[in-house]
Amino acid sequence: MRKLVIAVDGYSSTGKSSISKIIAKKLNLVHLDTGSIYRAVTYYALKNCKNSEGKIDLDLLFKSLDKIEISFKEDKNELKLYLNGEEMSHKIRQIKVNNNVSFIAKQPEIRAFLLELQRNLAKNGGIIMDGRDIGAFVLPDADFKFFLTASVEERTKRRFQELKNSGIDTEEEKVRDNLLKRDKIDSERENSPLKQAEDAILIDNTFLTKEETIALILNYLKKT
């Protein structure tokens, strides 16, 4: 019997990845944070595809796509990402990657480059995949689709605390501005924008803890 395919979409700092990771362990599924794939490409671009002004050169990046090899190794229900053979869990979480990932992710060439990779990972089932366009575009036939949202104020607090716990010194106002910028770019891009799939279950977890959000999702899954 084919295992479940679950799509989880939503805004930044709604807990998509951490929540999906826990659900994966509870249901013995593999979890993939698709944002990590775009972060890996962004990291590569920042390291290898800058122009004379120190900004990302998109033409150079597009010409270099055949040099980008993204692979995964399963480790305790989690797919760990490797970029050209290097494990990237921490490096792709740097602030400079945060500040550029939405710009890279909105490029049609990048989304097309990564689409087949994502679909291939889900073709045999047994996966919960989170991102921005999973239910609406990447996996339109997923067994379950969830869309997470929360107020900007609450998401700012969560993201600021996450960065603080990671030892990254920043200001709440800068975190808020970054979230709003990413929301705008992700929602307004022409190619597979961030949006709720028509058949996705909407969950606003502004006033829900992570544990309560997980319990709510599991309750929906148990109903079938």
Protein backbone atom coordinates (compact mmCIF):
# COMPACT_ATOMS: atom_id res chain seq x y z
CA MET A 1 0.00 0.00 0.00
CA ARG A 2 1.38 3.39 -1.00
CA LYS A 3 2.23 5.65 1.93
CA LEU A 4 0.84 9.15 2.37
CA VAL A 5 2.03 12.25 0.56
CA ILE A 6 1.40 15.38 2.63
CA ALA A 7 1.95 18.95 1.42
CA VAL A 8 2.42 21.77 3.93
CA ASP A 9 2.58 25.34 2.64
CA GLY A 10 2.46 28.73 4.28
CA TYR A 11 4.23 31.90 5.27
CA SER A 12 7.68 32.21 6.81
CA SER A 13 7.94 31.50 10.54
CA THR A 14 4.62 29.69 10.85
CA GLY A 15 6.51 26.58 11.93
CA LYS A 16 6.07 24.64 8.68
CA SER A 17 9.38 22.80 8.82
CA SER A 18 9.60 22.05 12.54
CA ILE A 19 5.96 20.94 12.63
CA SER A 20 6.34 18.78 9.51
CA LYS A 21 9.48 17.21 10.95
CA ILE A 22 7.66 16.10 14.11
CA ILE A 23 4.68 14.79 12.16
CA ALA A 24 7.06 12.80 9.94
CA LYS A 25 8.49 11.04 12.99
CA LYS A 26 5.06 10.33 14.43
CA LEU A 27 3.77 8.83 11.17
CA ASN A 28 7.05 7.24 10.04
CA LEU A 29 7.30 9.46 6.98
CA VAL A 30 10.29 11.23 5.49
CA HIS A 31 10.34 15.02 5.81
CA LEU A 32 11.65 17.45 3.20
CA ASP A 33 11.91 21.19 3.77
CA THR A 34 11.87 22.35 0.15
CA GLY A 35 13.00 25.80 1.21
CA SER A 36 16.36 24.22 1.96
CA ILE A 37 16.77 23.41 -1.74
CA TYR A 38 16.31 27.04 -2.73
CA ARG A 39 18.59 28.07 0.10
CA ALA A 40 21.27 25.73 -1.24
CA VAL A 41 21.08 27.33 -4.69
CA THR A 42 21.18 30.77 -3.06
CA TYR A 43 24.24 29.79 -1.05
CA TYR A 44 25.94 28.57 -4.21
CA ALA A 45 25.09 31.83 -6.00
CA LEU A 46 26.47 33.95 -3.16
CA LYS A 47 29.70 31.96 -3.20
CA ASN A 48 30.22 31.57 -6.94
CA CYS A 49 28.03 33.91 -9.00
CA LYS A 50 28.62 37.53 -8.00
CA ASN A 51 29.25 40.47 -10.29
CA SER A 52 31.80 43.24 -9.85
CA GLU A 53 29.44 45.04 -7.44
CA GLY A 54 29.17 42.01 -5.18
CA LYS A 55 25.59 41.23 -6.19
CA ILE A 56 24.30 37.93 -7.55
CA ASP A 57 24.73 37.66 -11.31
CA LEU A 58 21.64 35.77 -12.48
CA ASP A 59 22.97 35.08 -15.96
CA LEU A 60 26.08 33.52 -14.48
CA LEU A 61 23.96 31.48 -12.06
CA PHE A 62 21.71 30.17 -14.85
CA LYS A 63 24.78 29.14 -16.85
CA SER A 64 26.15 27.38 -13.76
CA LEU A 65 23.11 25.23 -12.94
CA ASP A 66 24.77 22.13 -14.37
CA LYS A 67 27.48 22.57 -11.74
CA ILE A 68 24.98 22.42 -8.88
CA GLU A 69 24.40 18.92 -7.55
CA ILE A 70 21.81 18.60 -4.79
CA SER A 71 21.42 15.24 -3.08
CA PHE A 72 19.88 13.85 0.09
CA LYS A 73 20.62 11.24 2.70
CA GLU A 74 17.89 9.97 4.99
CA ASP A 75 18.65 10.32 8.69
CA LYS A 76 15.96 9.58 11.29
CA ASN A 77 12.97 10.54 9.10
CA GLU A 78 14.83 13.62 7.86
CA LEU A 79 16.36 14.18 4.45
CA LYS A 80 19.71 15.91 4.98
CA LEU A 81 20.72 18.11 2.10
CA TYR A 82 24.12 17.97 0.43
CA LEU A 83 25.38 20.57 -2.03
CA ASN A 84 28.11 19.19 -4.28
CA GLY A 85 28.90 16.60 -1.63
CA GLU A 86 28.90 18.98 1.37
CA GLU A 87 26.28 18.72 4.13
CA MET A 88 24.57 22.12 4.32
CA SER A 89 22.18 22.13 7.31
CA HIS A 90 23.73 25.13 9.07
CA LYS A 91 25.35 27.09 6.25
CA ILE A 92 22.07 27.62 4.40
CA ARG A 93 20.55 29.29 7.49
CA GLN A 94 22.87 32.29 7.41
CA ILE A 95 21.30 35.78 7.33
CA LYS A 96 22.83 36.57 3.93
CA VAL A 97 21.02 33.51 2.56
CA ASN A 98 17.77 34.63 4.26
CA ASN A 99 18.07 38.02 2.60
CA ASN A 100 18.49 36.60 -0.92
CA VAL A 101 16.55 33.34 -1.06
CA SER A 102 13.19 34.84 -2.12
CA PHE A 103 14.90 36.70 -4.97
CA ILE A 104 16.49 33.48 -6.19
CA ALA A 105 13.36 31.40 -5.62
CA LYS A 106 11.19 33.66 -7.77
CA GLN A 107 13.32 33.05 -10.87
CA PRO A 108 11.42 30.75 -13.31
CA GLU A 109 14.70 29.13 -14.38
CA ILE A 110 15.46 28.10 -10.79
CA ARG A 111 11.97 26.80 -10.09
CA ALA A 112 12.01 24.74 -13.28
CA PHE A 113 15.47 23.42 -12.39
CA LEU A 114 14.25 22.17 -8.99
CA LEU A 115 10.73 21.01 -9.85
CA GLU A 116 11.61 17.52 -11.11
CA LEU A 117 13.87 16.93 -8.12
CA GLN A 118 11.00 17.61 -5.71
CA ARG A 119 8.48 15.49 -7.59
CA ASN A 120 10.87 12.56 -7.87
CA LEU A 121 11.37 12.56 -4.11
CA ALA A 122 7.61 12.21 -3.59
CA LYS A 123 6.71 9.75 -6.34
CA ASN A 124 6.88 6.67 -4.10
CA GLY A 125 4.95 8.27 -1.24
CA GLY A 126 5.83 8.23 2.44
CA ILE A 127 6.78 11.89 2.58
CA ILE A 128 5.67 15.19 4.10
CA MET A 129 6.99 18.11 2.09
CA ASP A 130 6.79 21.73 3.15
CA GLY A 131 7.37 24.92 1.21
CA ARG A 132 5.56 27.73 -0.59
CA ASP A 133 3.93 26.08 -3.61
CA ILE A 134 3.82 22.37 -2.78
CA GLY A 135 0.07 21.77 -2.67
CA ALA A 136 -0.82 24.22 -5.43
CA PHE A 137 1.92 23.36 -7.92
CA VAL A 138 4.63 20.85 -7.01
CA LEU A 139 2.39 18.08 -5.64
CA PRO A 140 -1.17 18.93 -6.74
CA ASP A 141 -2.26 15.32 -6.16
CA ALA A 142 -0.98 15.10 -2.56
CA ASP A 143 -3.23 13.10 -0.24
CA PHE A 144 -3.43 15.97 2.25
CA LYS A 145 -2.68 19.67 1.89
CA PHE A 146 -2.28 22.16 4.71
CA PHE A 147 -1.67 25.91 4.56
CA LEU A 148 -0.24 27.60 7.67
CA THR A 149 -0.55 31.28 8.46
CA ALA A 150 -0.09 33.60 11.45
CA SER A 151 0.00 37.33 12.11
CA VAL A 152 3.10 39.28 11.09
CA GLU A 153 3.65 40.28 14.72
CA GLU A 154 3.65 36.69 15.93
CA ARG A 155 5.85 35.48 13.10
CA THR A 156 8.33 38.27 13.82
CA LYS A 157 8.57 37.22 17.46
CA ARG A 158 9.13 33.59 16.51
CA ARG A 159 11.79 34.37 13.90
CA PHE A 160 13.58 36.85 16.17
CA GLN A 161 13.72 34.28 18.99
CA GLU A 162 14.95 31.61 16.59
CA LEU A 163 17.81 33.85 15.43
CA LYS A 164 18.61 34.85 19.00
CA ASN A 165 18.78 31.21 20.07
CA SER A 166 21.16 30.58 17.18
CA GLY A 167 23.47 33.31 18.43
CA ILE A 168 22.63 35.71 15.58
CA ASP A 169 22.48 39.34 16.69
CA THR A 170 19.73 41.33 14.98
CA GLU A 171 16.76 43.61 15.70
CA GLU A 172 13.06 42.76 15.69
CA GLU A 173 12.30 45.56 13.24
CA LYS A 174 14.81 44.17 10.75
CA VAL A 175 13.32 40.70 11.16
CA ARG A 176 9.83 42.08 10.52
CA ASP A 177 10.97 43.96 7.41
CA ASN A 178 12.64 40.82 6.07
CA LEU A 179 9.48 38.76 6.61
CA LEU A 180 7.29 41.34 4.87
CA LYS A 181 9.74 41.57 1.98
CA ARG A 182 9.75 37.78 1.57
CA ASP A 183 5.94 37.63 1.82
CA LYS A 184 5.62 40.19 -0.97
CA ILE A 185 8.16 38.53 -3.26
CA ASP A 186 6.79 35.02 -2.69
CA SER A 187 3.15 36.03 -3.14
CA GLU A 188 3.62 38.27 -6.19
CA ARG A 189 6.07 36.23 -8.27
CA GLU A 190 4.68 35.20 -11.65
CA ASN A 191 5.89 31.61 -11.49
CA SER A 192 4.13 29.37 -8.89
CA PRO A 193 3.50 32.06 -6.25
CA LEU A 194 2.83 31.39 -2.59
CA LYS A 195 -0.89 30.71 -2.36
CA GLN A 196 -3.32 28.37 -0.67
CA ALA A 197 -4.43 25.47 -2.85
CA GLU A 198 -8.20 25.35 -3.26
CA ASP A 199 -8.40 22.01 -1.46
CA ALA A 200 -5.88 22.85 1.28
CA ILE A 201 -6.86 23.01 4.94
CA LEU A 202 -6.14 26.48 6.35
CA ILE A 203 -4.61 26.64 9.83
CA ASP A 204 -4.01 30.00 11.51
CA ASN A 205 -1.66 29.28 14.40
CA THR A 206 -1.22 32.85 15.66
CA PHE A 207 -2.64 31.77 19.01
CA LEU A 208 -1.67 28.10 18.85
CA THR A 209 1.47 26.52 20.23
CA LYS A 210 3.53 24.23 18.05
CA GLU A 211 2.13 21.24 19.95
CA GLU A 212 -1.45 22.43 19.42
CA THR A 213 -0.84 22.93 15.71
CA ILE A 214 0.60 19.43 15.40
CA ALA A 215 -2.35 17.94 17.27
CA LEU A 216 -4.78 19.76 14.97
CA ILE A 217 -3.07 18.47 11.82
CA LEU A 218 -2.91 14.91 13.18
CA ASN A 219 -6.60 15.12 13.98
CA TYR A 220 -7.38 15.95 10.34
CA LEU A 221 -5.18 13.05 9.20
CA LYS A 222 -6.94 10.60 11.52
CA LYS A 223 -10.37 11.45 10.13
CA THR A 224 -9.73 9.47 6.96
